[in-house]
Protein backbone atom coordinates (compact mmCIF):
# COMPACT_ATOMS: atom_id res chain seq x y z
CA MET A 1 29.63 -34.72 29.99
CA GLU A 2 32.03 -31.82 29.48
CA ILE A 3 31.41 -29.05 26.94
CA HIS A 4 34.54 -27.34 25.61
CA VAL A 5 33.75 -24.13 23.76
CA GLU A 6 37.28 -22.73 23.45
CA ILE A 7 39.12 -23.92 20.36
CA PRO A 8 42.89 -24.40 19.85
CA ALA A 9 45.04 -21.50 18.65
CA ALA A 10 45.65 -23.14 15.26
CA ASP A 11 41.90 -23.51 14.67
CA ARG A 12 41.33 -19.92 15.74
CA SER A 13 43.88 -18.76 13.19
CA LYS A 14 42.20 -20.79 10.44
CA LEU A 15 38.78 -19.43 11.43
CA TYR A 16 40.13 -15.85 11.39
CA ASP A 17 41.59 -16.31 7.90
CA SER A 18 38.39 -17.98 6.65
CA ILE A 19 36.14 -15.16 7.89
CA LEU A 20 38.47 -12.52 6.45
CA GLN A 21 38.60 -14.26 3.07
CA ASP A 22 34.84 -14.95 2.82
CA SER A 23 33.96 -11.33 3.53
CA HIS A 24 36.11 -10.02 0.65
CA PRO A 25 33.80 -8.53 -2.03
CA ASP A 26 34.97 -10.42 -5.14
CA MET A 27 32.81 -11.01 -8.23
CA LYS A 28 31.28 -14.16 -6.72
CA TYR A 29 30.25 -12.23 -3.60
CA VAL A 30 28.72 -9.40 -5.63
CA ALA A 31 26.83 -11.78 -7.93
CA MET A 32 25.44 -13.90 -5.08
CA LEU A 33 24.37 -10.78 -3.17
CA ALA A 34 22.59 -9.35 -6.23
CA PHE A 35 20.87 -12.67 -6.93
CA ALA A 36 19.76 -12.96 -3.29
CA GLY A 37 18.30 -9.43 -3.35
CA LEU A 38 16.40 -9.99 -6.60
CA ILE A 39 15.09 -13.41 -5.55
CA ALA A 40 13.93 -11.93 -2.22
CA LEU A 41 12.17 -9.06 -4.05
CA PHE A 42 10.34 -11.40 -6.45
CA GLY A 43 9.33 -13.66 -3.58
CA LEU A 44 7.97 -10.67 -1.65
CA LEU A 45 6.00 -9.38 -4.67
CA GLN A 46 4.54 -12.85 -5.31
CA ASN A 47 3.93 -13.48 -1.60
CA SER A 48 5.96 -16.72 -1.88
CA THR A 49 7.57 -17.84 1.38
CA ALA A 50 9.55 -20.60 -0.36
CA VAL A 51 11.21 -18.15 -2.76
CA ILE A 52 12.10 -15.78 0.11
CA ILE A 53 13.70 -18.68 2.01
CA GLY A 54 15.78 -19.45 -1.08
CA ALA A 55 17.08 -15.87 -1.08
CA MET A 56 18.04 -16.19 2.59
CA LEU A 57 20.02 -19.35 1.94
CA ILE A 58 22.18 -17.95 -0.88
CA SER A 59 22.82 -14.55 0.71
CA PRO A 60 26.55 -14.01 1.53
CA LEU A 61 25.83 -11.00 3.76
CA MET A 62 26.46 -13.00 6.97
CA ASN A 63 30.20 -13.15 6.13
CA PRO A 64 30.98 -9.41 6.50
CA ILE A 65 28.67 -9.30 9.52
CA LEU A 66 30.77 -11.98 11.26
CA SER A 67 33.90 -10.12 10.18
CA ALA A 68 32.56 -6.96 11.85
CA ALA A 69 31.84 -8.93 15.03
CA LEU A 70 35.38 -10.31 15.11
CA ALA A 71 36.81 -6.85 14.48
CA LEU A 72 34.71 -5.48 17.37
CA LEU A 73 36.08 -8.10 19.75
CA LEU A 74 39.74 -7.90 18.67
CA GLY A 75 39.83 -4.13 18.31
CA ASP A 76 41.23 -4.68 14.81
CA GLY A 77 40.80 -1.27 13.18
CA LYS A 78 41.82 -2.38 9.69
CA MET A 79 39.47 -5.35 9.73
CA GLY A 80 36.70 -3.17 11.13
CA ARG A 81 37.09 -0.56 8.41
CA GLU A 82 37.14 -3.20 5.67
CA SER A 83 34.04 -4.99 7.02
CA SER A 84 32.21 -1.66 7.47
CA HIS A 85 33.10 -0.71 3.90
CA VAL A 86 31.82 -4.06 2.56
CA LEU A 87 28.64 -3.85 4.66
CA GLY A 88 27.90 -0.31 3.53
CA LEU A 89 28.36 -1.14 -0.15
CA SER A 90 26.36 -4.36 0.24
CA ILE A 91 23.44 -2.62 1.97
CA GLY A 92 23.39 0.22 -0.54
CA GLY A 93 23.75 -2.16 -3.48
CA VAL A 94 20.84 -4.40 -2.44
CA ILE A 95 18.58 -1.39 -1.79
CA LEU A 96 19.53 0.21 -5.13
CA ILE A 97 19.02 -2.87 -7.31
CA THR A 98 15.71 -3.79 -5.63
CA TRP A 99 14.59 -0.16 -5.91
CA VAL A 100 15.20 -0.12 -9.67
CA ILE A 101 13.67 -3.56 -10.36
CA ALA A 102 10.61 -2.82 -8.17
CA TRP A 103 10.12 0.46 -10.05
CA LEU A 104 10.19 -1.45 -13.38
CA SER A 105 8.04 -4.33 -12.14
CA PRO A 106 4.31 -4.29 -12.97
CA LEU A 107 3.63 -5.98 -9.60
CA LYS A 108 3.43 -3.24 -6.97
CA GLU A 109 0.68 -4.44 -4.60
CA VAL A 110 1.58 -4.72 -0.93
CA THR A 111 1.61 -8.42 0.03
CA PRO A 112 1.42 -9.99 3.50
CA GLU A 113 5.09 -11.02 3.20
CA ILE A 114 6.05 -7.36 2.66
CA LEU A 115 3.90 -6.14 5.54
CA ALA A 116 5.42 -8.78 7.84
CA ARG A 117 8.81 -7.03 7.53
CA THR A 118 7.68 -3.44 8.10
CA ASN A 119 6.55 -3.60 11.72
CA PRO A 120 9.35 -5.17 13.84
CA ASN A 121 9.01 -5.64 17.57
CA LEU A 122 11.14 -6.75 20.52
CA LEU A 123 10.69 -10.42 19.64
CA ASP A 124 12.60 -9.84 16.38
CA LEU A 125 15.54 -8.57 18.47
CA PHE A 126 15.61 -11.75 20.56
CA ILE A 127 15.36 -13.90 17.42
CA ALA A 128 18.39 -12.12 15.96
CA ILE A 129 20.41 -12.50 19.19
CA PHE A 130 19.80 -16.23 19.57
CA SER A 131 20.24 -16.88 15.85
CA GLY A 132 23.57 -15.05 15.92
CA LEU A 133 24.69 -17.17 18.86
CA ALA A 134 23.69 -20.39 17.10
CA GLY A 135 25.21 -19.39 13.76
CA THR A 136 28.56 -18.41 15.29
CA LEU A 137 28.71 -21.58 17.41
CA ALA A 138 28.20 -23.56 14.21
CA LEU A 139 31.53 -22.17 12.93
CA ARG A 140 33.28 -24.25 15.56
CA GLY A 141 32.81 -27.21 13.22
CA GLY A 142 31.48 -30.65 13.79
CA SER A 143 28.97 -32.85 11.97
CA THR A 144 25.99 -30.66 12.89
CA SER A 145 27.29 -27.36 11.52
CA MET A 146 26.00 -27.98 8.00
CA THR A 147 22.45 -28.39 9.32
CA ILE A 148 22.61 -25.47 11.74
CA ILE A 149 23.88 -22.76 9.39
CA PRO A 150 20.97 -22.99 6.87
CA GLY A 151 18.53 -22.73 9.76
CA VAL A 152 20.29 -19.64 11.04
CA ALA A 153 20.20 -18.09 7.55
CA ILE A 154 16.42 -18.61 7.49
CA ALA A 155 15.83 -17.35 11.03
CA VAL A 156 17.86 -14.14 10.57
CA ALA A 157 16.55 -12.56 7.40
CA VAL A 158 18.99 -9.79 6.49
CA VAL A 159 18.34 -9.55 2.75
CA PRO A 160 14.48 -9.58 2.62
CA PRO A 161 14.17 -6.43 4.81
CA LEU A 162 16.59 -4.63 2.47
CA ALA A 163 14.49 -5.75 -0.50
CA VAL A 164 11.41 -4.33 1.24
CA VAL A 165 13.28 -1.03 1.70
CA GLY A 166 13.99 -0.91 -2.06
CA TYR A 167 10.38 -1.76 -2.89
CA SER A 168 9.00 0.84 -0.46
CA LEU A 169 11.27 3.58 -1.83
CA SER A 170 10.18 2.78 -5.40
CA THR A 171 6.50 3.10 -4.40
CA ARG A 172 7.14 6.12 -2.11
CA GLN A 173 5.89 4.38 1.01
CA TRP A 174 8.32 5.99 3.42
CA ALA A 175 6.88 4.54 6.64
CA MET A 176 7.20 1.00 5.30
CA ALA A 177 10.78 1.69 4.22
CA GLY A 178 11.63 2.96 7.70
CA GLY A 179 10.10 -0.07 9.41
CA ALA A 180 11.95 -2.52 7.15
CA PHE A 181 15.27 -0.72 7.65
CA LEU A 182 14.72 -0.77 11.43
CA LEU A 183 14.26 -4.55 11.23
CA PHE A 184 17.51 -4.89 9.26
CA MET A 185 19.48 -2.70 11.68
CA THR A 186 18.05 -4.69 14.61
CA ASN A 187 19.23 -7.95 13.05
CA LEU A 188 22.62 -6.46 12.13
CA VAL A 189 23.50 -5.07 15.57
CA ALA A 190 22.13 -8.09 17.45
CA ILE A 191 24.09 -10.56 15.31
CA ILE A 192 27.33 -8.58 15.64
CA MET A 193 27.08 -8.44 19.43
CA SER A 194 26.05 -12.08 19.90
CA ALA A 195 28.72 -13.26 17.46
CA ALA A 196 31.39 -11.21 19.28
CA LEU A 197 30.36 -12.93 22.54
CA VAL A 198 30.75 -16.40 21.00
CA PHE A 199 34.12 -15.48 19.47
CA ARG A 200 35.32 -14.55 22.95
CA LEU A 201 34.18 -17.95 24.22
CA PHE A 202 36.18 -19.49 21.37
CA GLY A 203 39.31 -17.95 22.89
CA PHE A 204 39.74 -14.84 20.74
CA ARG A 205 41.16 -11.93 22.73
CA ALA A 206 41.57 -8.26 21.94
CA HIS A 207 44.95 -7.11 20.58
CA GLU A 208 47.26 -5.58 23.14
CA ALA A 209 47.57 -2.39 21.10
CA ALA A 210 43.80 -1.98 21.05
CA GLU A 211 43.53 -2.42 24.82
CA LYS A 212 46.03 0.38 25.38
CA GLY A 213 43.99 2.87 23.38
CA HIS A 214 40.91 4.86 24.28
CA LEU A 215 38.48 2.26 22.86
CA LYS A 216 39.12 -0.70 25.10
CA LEU A 217 36.90 -3.75 24.81
CA LYS A 218 34.68 -2.63 27.67
CA TYR A 219 34.09 0.71 25.97
CA ARG A 220 33.42 -0.92 22.61
CA ALA A 221 30.98 -3.32 24.27
CA ALA A 222 29.26 -0.45 26.11
CA ILE A 223 28.81 1.56 22.91
CA SER A 224 27.43 -1.49 21.10
CA PHE A 225 25.03 -2.21 23.94
CA LEU A 226 23.87 1.43 23.92
CA VAL A 227 23.10 1.19 20.20
CA LEU A 228 21.15 -2.00 20.90
CA VAL A 229 19.15 -0.27 23.65
CA ILE A 230 18.34 2.65 21.35
CA LEU A 231 17.07 0.22 18.71
CA ALA A 232 15.03 -1.63 21.33
CA VAL A 233 13.01 1.48 22.29
CA PRO A 234 10.80 1.57 19.14
CA LEU A 235 10.67 -2.24 19.15
CA ILE A 236 9.22 -2.22 22.68
CA HIS A 237 6.67 0.40 21.62
CA THR A 238 5.62 -1.72 18.62
CA LEU A 239 5.30 -4.84 20.78
CA ARG A 240 3.16 -3.00 23.35
CA LYS A 241 0.99 -1.61 20.56
CA GLY A 242 0.51 -5.09 19.09
CA VAL A 243 -0.36 -6.57 22.46
CA SER A 244 -2.81 -3.73 23.08
CA GLN A 245 -4.50 -4.34 19.71
CA ILE A 246 -4.82 -8.06 20.47
CA ARG A 247 -6.28 -7.33 23.90
CA THR A 248 -8.70 -4.80 22.42
CA ARG A 249 -9.82 -7.23 19.73
CA ARG A 250 -10.33 -9.95 22.35
CA GLU A 251 -12.56 -7.67 24.42
CA ILE A 252 -14.52 -6.55 21.35
CA SER A 253 -14.99 -10.17 20.30
CA GLY A 254 -16.24 -11.07 23.77
CA VAL A 255 -18.87 -8.29 23.76
CA LEU A 256 -20.13 -9.07 20.24
CA ASN A 257 -20.25 -12.82 20.77
CA ARG A 258 -22.15 -12.39 24.03
CA VAL A 259 -24.86 -10.38 22.23
CA PHE A 260 -24.96 -11.83 18.72
CA THR A 261 -23.89 -15.48 19.07
CA THR A 262 -27.18 -17.34 19.57
CA ASP A 263 -28.89 -20.48 18.32
CA HIS A 264 -29.91 -18.61 15.18
CA SER A 265 -26.86 -16.36 14.56
CA SER A 266 -23.07 -16.09 14.71
CA VAL A 267 -20.39 -13.39 14.38
CA ALA A 268 -18.70 -13.80 10.99
CA ASP A 269 -16.17 -10.93 10.91
CA ILE A 270 -14.82 -8.14 13.15
CA SER A 271 -12.67 -5.15 12.19
CA GLN A 272 -11.45 -2.27 14.36
CA THR A 273 -9.94 1.12 13.48
CA TRP A 274 -9.05 4.25 15.41
CA ARG A 275 -10.09 7.58 13.82
CA ASP A 276 -9.32 10.84 15.58
CA GLY A 277 -8.91 9.03 18.87
CA LYS A 278 -12.27 7.22 18.54
CA LEU A 279 -12.74 3.47 18.16
CA TRP A 280 -14.83 2.33 15.19
CA VAL A 281 -15.93 -1.32 15.24
CA ARG A 282 -17.40 -3.06 12.21
CA THR A 283 -18.90 -6.55 12.40
CA THR A 284 -20.79 -8.91 10.12
CA ILE A 285 -23.48 -11.20 11.54
CA ARG A 286 -24.90 -14.30 9.85
CA THR A 287 -28.40 -14.86 11.13
CA THR A 288 -31.71 -16.53 10.28
CA ARG A 289 -33.61 -13.48 11.60
CA TYR A 290 -32.60 -9.86 11.89
CA PHE A 291 -31.59 -8.31 15.21
CA ASP A 292 -33.59 -5.21 16.12
CA THR A 293 -32.18 -1.79 17.07
CA SER A 294 -32.39 -2.38 20.81
CA GLU A 295 -30.07 -5.39 20.61
CA THR A 296 -27.49 -3.59 18.48
CA GLN A 297 -27.69 -0.58 20.81
CA ARG A 298 -26.99 -2.85 23.78
CA ALA A 299 -23.81 -4.10 22.11
CA GLU A 300 -22.70 -0.54 21.32
CA ASP A 301 -23.36 0.55 24.92
CA ASP A 302 -21.22 -2.34 26.22
CA LEU A 303 -18.38 -1.29 23.89
CA ARG A 304 -18.66 2.32 25.02
CA GLY A 305 -18.43 1.21 28.64
CA ARG A 306 -15.04 -0.34 27.87
CA PHE A 307 -13.51 1.96 25.24
CA GLY A 308 -15.11 5.36 25.77
CA PRO A 309 -18.37 7.19 25.03
CA ASP A 310 -17.41 7.98 21.41
CA THR A 311 -17.07 4.32 20.35
CA LYS A 312 -19.11 3.50 17.23
CA LEU A 313 -20.47 0.12 16.14
CA GLY A 314 -21.33 -0.63 12.51
CA LEU A 315 -23.35 -3.80 11.93
CA ASP A 316 -23.97 -5.76 8.72
CA GLN A 317 -26.56 -8.54 9.00
CA ILE A 318 -26.55 -11.31 6.40
CA LEU A 319 -29.76 -13.32 6.35
CA VAL A 320 -29.06 -17.03 5.89
CA ALA A 321 -31.24 -20.13 5.66
CA GLN A 322 -31.04 -22.80 8.32
CA GLY A 323 -31.57 -26.39 7.18
CA GLY A 324 -33.46 -27.23 4.00
CA LEU A 325 -35.58 -24.83 1.91
CA SER A 326 -39.33 -24.71 2.35
CA PRO A 327 -41.56 -24.50 -0.78
CA GLN A 328 -42.02 -20.80 -0.12
CA GLN A 329 -38.29 -20.20 0.13
CA ALA A 330 -37.67 -22.27 -3.01
CA ALA A 331 -40.25 -20.22 -4.95
CA ARG A 332 -38.66 -16.97 -3.79
CA LEU A 333 -35.22 -18.21 -4.84
CA GLY A 334 -36.61 -19.24 -8.22
CA ASN A 335 -37.86 -15.71 -8.79
CA VAL A 336 -34.37 -14.34 -8.19
CA ILE A 337 -32.69 -16.86 -10.52
CA THR A 338 -35.13 -16.48 -13.41
CA GLY A 339 -35.31 -12.70 -13.09
CA GLY A 340 -39.12 -12.70 -13.20
CA VAL A 341 -42.10 -12.69 -10.88
CA VAL A 342 -44.07 -15.92 -10.41
CA ARG A 343 -47.18 -16.76 -8.46
CA PRO A 344 -46.91 -17.76 -4.83
CA VAL A 345 -46.76 -21.40 -3.91
CA PRO A 346 -50.30 -22.85 -3.92
CA GLY A 347 -51.79 -22.86 -0.46
CA THR A 348 -49.75 -19.88 0.79
CA GLU A 349 -50.55 -16.18 1.14
CA GLU A 350 -47.06 -14.88 0.26
CA ALA A 351 -46.93 -11.92 -2.10
CA PRO A 352 -45.06 -12.26 -5.41
CA TYR A 353 -41.38 -11.43 -5.31
CA ASP A 354 -40.78 -7.83 -6.50
CA LEU A 355 -37.44 -8.05 -8.32
CA LYS A 356 -37.28 -4.34 -9.24
CA ALA A 357 -37.82 -3.18 -5.67
CA SER A 358 -35.26 -5.71 -4.48
CA GLN A 359 -32.69 -4.41 -6.99
CA LEU A 360 -33.21 -0.80 -5.89
CA LYS A 361 -32.86 -1.83 -2.26
CA LEU A 362 -29.67 -3.76 -3.05
CA ILE A 363 -28.13 -0.82 -4.94
CA SER A 364 -29.03 1.52 -2.07
CA HIS A 365 -27.38 -0.88 0.37
CA LEU A 366 -24.23 -1.17 -1.78
CA GLN A 367 -24.08 2.61 -2.15
CA THR A 368 -24.14 2.90 1.63
CA GLN A 369 -21.27 0.41 1.81
CA VAL A 370 -19.24 2.49 -0.65
CA ASP A 371 -19.83 5.68 1.34
CA ASP A 372 -18.86 3.88 4.54
CA VAL A 373 -15.57 2.69 3.01
CA LEU A 374 -14.79 6.21 1.76
CA ALA A 375 -15.67 7.80 5.13
CA GLY A 376 -12.62 9.29 6.82
CA THR A 377 -10.70 9.59 3.52
CA PRO A 378 -10.31 12.65 1.27
CA ILE A 379 -12.02 10.71 -1.56
CA LYS A 380 -15.73 11.50 -2.12
CA ARG A 381 -18.42 10.02 -4.35
CA THR A 382 -19.92 12.60 -6.73
CA ALA A 383 -22.59 10.59 -8.61
CA PRO A 384 -24.98 7.68 -7.97
CA LEU A 385 -23.43 4.21 -7.93
CA LEU A 386 -23.71 1.88 -10.93
CA VAL A 387 -23.48 -1.84 -10.16
CA GLU A 388 -23.16 -4.91 -12.36
CA ILE A 389 -23.82 -8.26 -10.71
CA GLY A 390 -23.35 -11.46 -12.70
CA THR A 391 -23.37 -15.15 -11.89
CA ASN A 392 -19.98 -16.42 -10.63
CA GLN A 393 -18.38 -13.05 -11.47
CA PRO A 394 -17.06 -10.18 -9.36
CA ILE A 395 -19.43 -7.33 -8.52
CA ILE A 396 -18.45 -4.39 -10.74
CA PHE A 397 -18.73 -1.00 -9.00
CA SER A 398 -18.72 1.98 -11.40
CA LEU A 399 -17.88 5.12 -9.42
CA GLN A 400 -17.59 8.84 -10.05
CA LEU A 401 -15.19 10.19 -7.43
CA ALA A 402 -13.49 13.42 -6.42
CA SER A 403 -9.95 13.21 -5.03
CA PRO A 404 -7.32 15.81 -4.07
CA GLU A 405 -4.63 13.74 -5.84
CA PRO A 406 -4.52 10.94 -8.45
CA LEU A 407 -5.34 7.53 -6.99
CA VAL A 408 -2.52 4.99 -6.84
CA LYS A 409 -3.22 1.40 -7.80
CA GLN A 410 -2.79 0.24 -4.20
CA THR A 411 -5.58 2.58 -3.07
CA VAL A 412 -8.02 1.25 -5.68
CA THR A 413 -7.07 -2.34 -4.75
CA LEU A 414 -7.55 -1.60 -1.04
CA LEU A 415 -10.97 -0.01 -1.63
CA GLY A 416 -12.02 -3.04 -3.68
CA ALA A 417 -10.80 -5.41 -0.96
CA GLN A 418 -12.72 -3.51 1.74
CA LEU A 419 -15.90 -3.57 -0.34
CA GLY A 420 -15.35 -7.27 -1.01
CA SER A 421 -15.10 -7.87 2.73
CA LYS A 422 -18.34 -5.97 3.35
CA THR A 423 -20.26 -7.71 0.55
CA SER A 424 -18.66 -11.15 1.09
CA SER A 425 -18.04 -11.28 -2.66
CA PRO A 426 -15.21 -10.49 -5.11
CA VAL A 427 -15.34 -6.84 -6.19
CA ARG A 428 -13.85 -4.93 -9.13
CA LEU A 429 -13.80 -1.12 -9.19
CA GLN A 430 -13.94 1.01 -12.31
CA GLY A 431 -14.83 4.60 -13.09
CA GLU A 432 -13.16 7.95 -12.93
CA ALA A 433 -11.96 10.45 -10.36
CA GLU A 434 -11.99 14.22 -10.78
CA ILE A 435 -8.73 15.53 -9.32
CA GLN A 436 -9.57 18.60 -7.27
CA GLY A 437 -6.11 19.50 -6.00
CA ALA A 438 -4.71 22.93 -6.80
CA ASP A 439 -2.06 21.42 -9.10
CA TYR A 440 -4.67 19.66 -11.23
CA ARG A 441 -7.27 22.41 -11.82
CA LEU A 442 -7.08 25.79 -13.52
CA ALA A 443 -9.60 28.53 -14.25
CA ALA A 444 -8.60 30.94 -17.01
CA GLY A 445 -10.79 34.03 -17.31
CA LEU A 446 -10.63 36.61 -20.13
CA PRO A 447 -12.40 39.98 -19.94
CA ASP A 448 -13.38 39.93 -23.64
CA ALA A 449 -13.16 37.61 -26.63
CA ARG A 450 -10.25 39.50 -28.19
CA SER A 451 -8.00 38.97 -25.16
CA ARG A 452 -5.13 36.55 -25.23
CA LEU A 453 -3.97 34.30 -22.42
CA SER A 454 -1.55 35.72 -19.91
CA GLU A 455 1.93 34.24 -19.62
CA LYS A 456 0.96 32.77 -16.23
CA ASP A 457 -2.08 31.00 -17.73
CA ARG A 458 -0.04 29.67 -20.67
CA GLN A 459 2.55 28.20 -18.32
CA ALA A 460 -0.16 26.65 -16.10
CA ILE A 461 -1.94 25.08 -19.10
CA GLY A 462 1.39 23.77 -20.40
CA LYS A 463 2.08 22.07 -17.06
CA LEU A 464 -1.36 20.42 -17.07
CA VAL A 465 -0.84 19.17 -20.63
CA ALA A 466 2.61 17.75 -19.75
CA LEU A 467 1.16 16.06 -16.65
CA VAL A 468 -1.63 14.38 -18.64
CA ARG A 469 0.76 13.30 -21.39
CA SER A 470 2.98 11.52 -18.81
CA ARG A 471 0.11 9.47 -17.34
CA PRO A 472 -2.03 7.27 -19.62
CA ASP A 473 -4.76 7.09 -16.96
CA LEU A 474 -5.27 10.87 -16.90
CA GLN A 475 -7.37 13.06 -19.22
CA LEU A 476 -7.73 16.83 -19.58
CA ARG A 477 -11.26 18.21 -19.72
CA VAL A 478 -11.94 21.79 -20.79
CA LEU A 479 -15.24 23.51 -19.94
CA VAL A 480 -15.86 26.60 -22.11
CA ALA A 481 -18.27 29.24 -20.79
CA SER A 482 -19.25 32.26 -22.87
CA SER A 483 -22.34 34.08 -24.06
CA LEU A 484 -21.13 33.49 -27.63
CA PRO A 485 -22.26 30.37 -29.51
CA LEU A 486 -19.77 27.55 -29.12
CA ALA A 487 -18.92 27.37 -32.83
CA GLN A 488 -18.05 31.08 -32.87
CA VAL A 489 -15.89 30.69 -29.75
CA LEU A 490 -13.90 27.86 -31.31
CA GLN A 491 -13.40 29.52 -34.69
CA GLU A 492 -13.00 33.20 -33.89
CA THR A 493 -11.54 33.79 -30.42
CA ALA A 494 -7.80 34.30 -30.18
CA SER A 495 -7.62 32.80 -26.69
CA TRP A 496 -9.10 29.49 -27.79
CA ARG A 497 -6.62 29.27 -30.67
CA GLN A 498 -3.89 29.72 -28.07
CA ILE A 499 -5.33 26.92 -25.93
CA ARG A 500 -5.58 24.65 -28.98
CA ALA A 501 -1.96 25.43 -29.88
CA LEU A 502 -0.76 24.60 -26.34
CA ILE A 503 -2.57 21.25 -26.45
CA ALA A 504 -1.13 20.47 -29.89
CA ARG A 505 2.36 21.50 -28.78
CA GLY A 506 2.05 19.15 -25.81
CA ARG A 507 1.35 16.25 -28.24
CA LEU A 508 -1.82 15.11 -26.51
CA GLU A 509 -3.72 12.40 -28.34
CA ALA A 510 -7.40 12.96 -29.19
CA SER A 511 -8.33 10.45 -26.49
CA GLN A 512 -6.34 12.32 -23.82
CA TRP A 513 -8.45 15.50 -23.81
CA SER A 514 -11.99 16.63 -24.40
CA MET A 515 -14.04 19.80 -24.20
CA LYS A 516 -17.64 20.74 -23.66
CA ALA A 517 -19.72 23.88 -23.49
CA SER A 518 -21.22 25.27 -20.33
CA PRO A 519 -25.01 25.68 -20.10
CA ALA A 520 -24.54 29.26 -21.30
CA ASN A 521 -23.57 28.19 -24.84
CA GLU A 522 -24.15 24.44 -25.05
CA GLN A 523 -27.04 24.99 -27.44
CA ALA A 524 -24.36 24.95 -30.13
CA GLY A 525 -23.66 21.28 -29.38
CA LEU A 526 -20.68 19.38 -27.93
CA THR A 527 -17.50 18.38 -29.70
CA THR A 528 -16.06 14.92 -29.64
CA PRO A 529 -12.79 14.43 -27.69
CA GLY A 530 -10.17 16.36 -29.60
CA GLY A 531 -12.54 16.96 -32.48
CA VAL A 532 -12.39 20.75 -32.61
CA LYS A 533 -13.02 22.57 -35.86
CA PRO A 534 -9.85 24.17 -37.32
CA ALA A 535 -9.46 27.88 -36.95
CA ALA A 536 -10.28 30.11 -39.89
CA SER A 537 -7.59 31.48 -42.15
CA PRO A 538 -5.49 34.35 -40.74
CA ALA A 539 -7.24 36.87 -42.96
CA ALA A 540 -10.68 35.60 -42.01
CA ALA A 541 -9.71 35.45 -38.37
CA THR A 542 -8.59 39.05 -38.45
CA LYS A 543 -11.81 40.06 -40.12
CA ASN A 544 -13.99 38.09 -37.73
CA GLU A 545 -12.24 39.32 -34.61
CA THR A 546 -13.12 42.89 -35.43
CA ASN A 547 -16.78 41.93 -35.26
CA ILE A 548 -16.61 39.88 -32.06
CA PRO A 549 -18.66 41.35 -29.23
CA ARG A 550 -16.69 42.28 -26.16
CA VAL A 551 -17.90 39.39 -23.97
CA ALA A 552 -16.13 37.47 -21.21
CA LEU A 553 -14.77 33.99 -21.88
CA GLN A 554 -14.17 31.46 -19.08
CA CYS A 555 -12.27 28.14 -19.43
CA GLN A 556 -12.16 25.55 -16.66
CA PHE A 557 -9.37 22.95 -16.98
CA THR A 558 -9.78 19.79 -14.90
CA VAL A 559 -7.68 16.60 -14.78
CA ILE A 560 -9.74 13.39 -14.78
CA GLN A 561 -8.35 9.94 -13.89
CA THR A 562 -9.84 6.66 -15.10
CA PHE A 563 -9.33 3.51 -13.05
C-alpha cells in the first residue's frame, strides 16, 4: 500500500486560498471567537468539561495559526504580518473579554478545570505537536477529515488557556495567569512548527525571493526551534516536579500503610506540604482502637529517615465501629442522639455518658484543627472558637481572626475546605477578621481636649472611611480613650466633632462603623453603631470648651471584616 502525502499544484493553490480566506478577521470570525472565549470561561467557572469542549469546537483561532505556519514555510512576509496581526488581536481580545466578564461574574472560586490549565508540563508540548500534525494532515481532504478535525480542536485547547488568563488577571492571581499563558504559547508554537512540516510534505516550497534573503527557511526553522526549546525548559521543570511529588507521595503512602494498615485500621487520607524546606505530612486513620504514641513515633522516624530529620507527621485518628453495635455501644449512641445521660445497660459496669465533657473535648479538638490549618499563614485566631453542630448540616465555625490584609473569598473557601477534610464533614466559616496591616489601622493622639486633628490625621481617616465605604464586608471601629467621661468627649471635644464630620462626609451608613469607650471612660456606657449624640450648639460648644480640662485624647481606628 502506497501513501502519497504530496498533493497536486491545483489543490495546493486551493488550500492556500482557503487558509488565507478563513484567517481573515471578518464579523463572523470576531463573533465566533468572542463566543468561544465566553463559553470557555463559563465552563471553567462551572467546572463543566462538556461546556469547555463546546468552546474548543467553535473556536476559529486555528485558522490564523495555520496561516502563520504556511507563512513560516513559504517565507511570505505579507501573509506572516497579516496572520501575526490577526493572532495578536485575537489573543488580546479573548483575554480582555474574559477578564471583564470574570470581573463581573459572582463565580470566582478556583475550579479543578482552571487549575488543570495553570501548570503545563512537557507532555502538553508533545500533545500540541502531534495534534498539529494530525490537524494539518486532515486538510488534505478525504472522508475522514471531518472526524479528525473536531478531535484535534479538542486535543489542542487554545481558547480555554486564554480564558484562564483573563480570569486570573481579574482575580489578581498572577502566577496562575503566567502558567495558563505558558500553556497557550506552548500550543501555539508547537502547532505552527508541526503544521509547517506537514505543509512541506504537501509540496509547498519557500518562495525564491525569500530564499535569497537573510531569513532562509533553515534560519526560520532554527529560530522557531530555539523558541520551542526555550518554552520546553520550564515545562521540563514542571514535569520533573510533578514526578517528584508523585514519587514522594508513593513513598509516604508506603510508610504509613506499613505502620497503620492493620486488621483493625486503615489509612483514609494523606496530604503533604513543604514549608521552609521541611516536609509536613498529615494523615487520617480510621481505626477500631487508637494507636499509641510509640507507633506514631515509629512512622515519623521512618519518614525522617527518607526525607530528612525535620520531617513532621500529623495524625488524626477516627474511631469507628467494626460489625454490629453491642448493647453498650447502642446505649452510648442513644445518649449522644437524645442529648441526655441515661443509665448504663443492665448487667454492665459502664459509667453514664457525660455529654458536657464530650462537647468540651470536641470543641477543644476542633480548635486545635483550626489552629493547625492557620499554622504557617499570616492569619491568627484571636478568640476562643464557637461551633454549631446540627444534624445533616454543615459544621459552623465562628472565628475571630487577625489578618494583615482583608481576606478574599477564595481564602475563606480554602480554609473551610481544609477544615472539612480534617473533620470529614461539610464546614461553613463565619466571623470577623481584624485587619492589622498598616493601611488599615490608625492611632490619632491629641495632647489635650481642645486640640484639633492634624492635616495628616484627617487625610488618613478620610482614606479609611473611603476604603470601608467601597467594601460592604468591611466596618470601621473607633476606640476612644480619655480620662473624661464618654458623654463629655462626644459632646464637647473639637477633635471628636472633626472625626464625626469626616465619617459623615464619607457617607458611611450607621451599620458600617461603630465606636466604643476604652476602660478608662467606659463607665459612661457604649453607643450603638453610628448612634452618637449630636454635638451641642456652636455657642454652647464654645462655652463648654473653655471649661474642658487639658487632658489627652486617644482614638484607635481599626478596619474589621465580616465573612
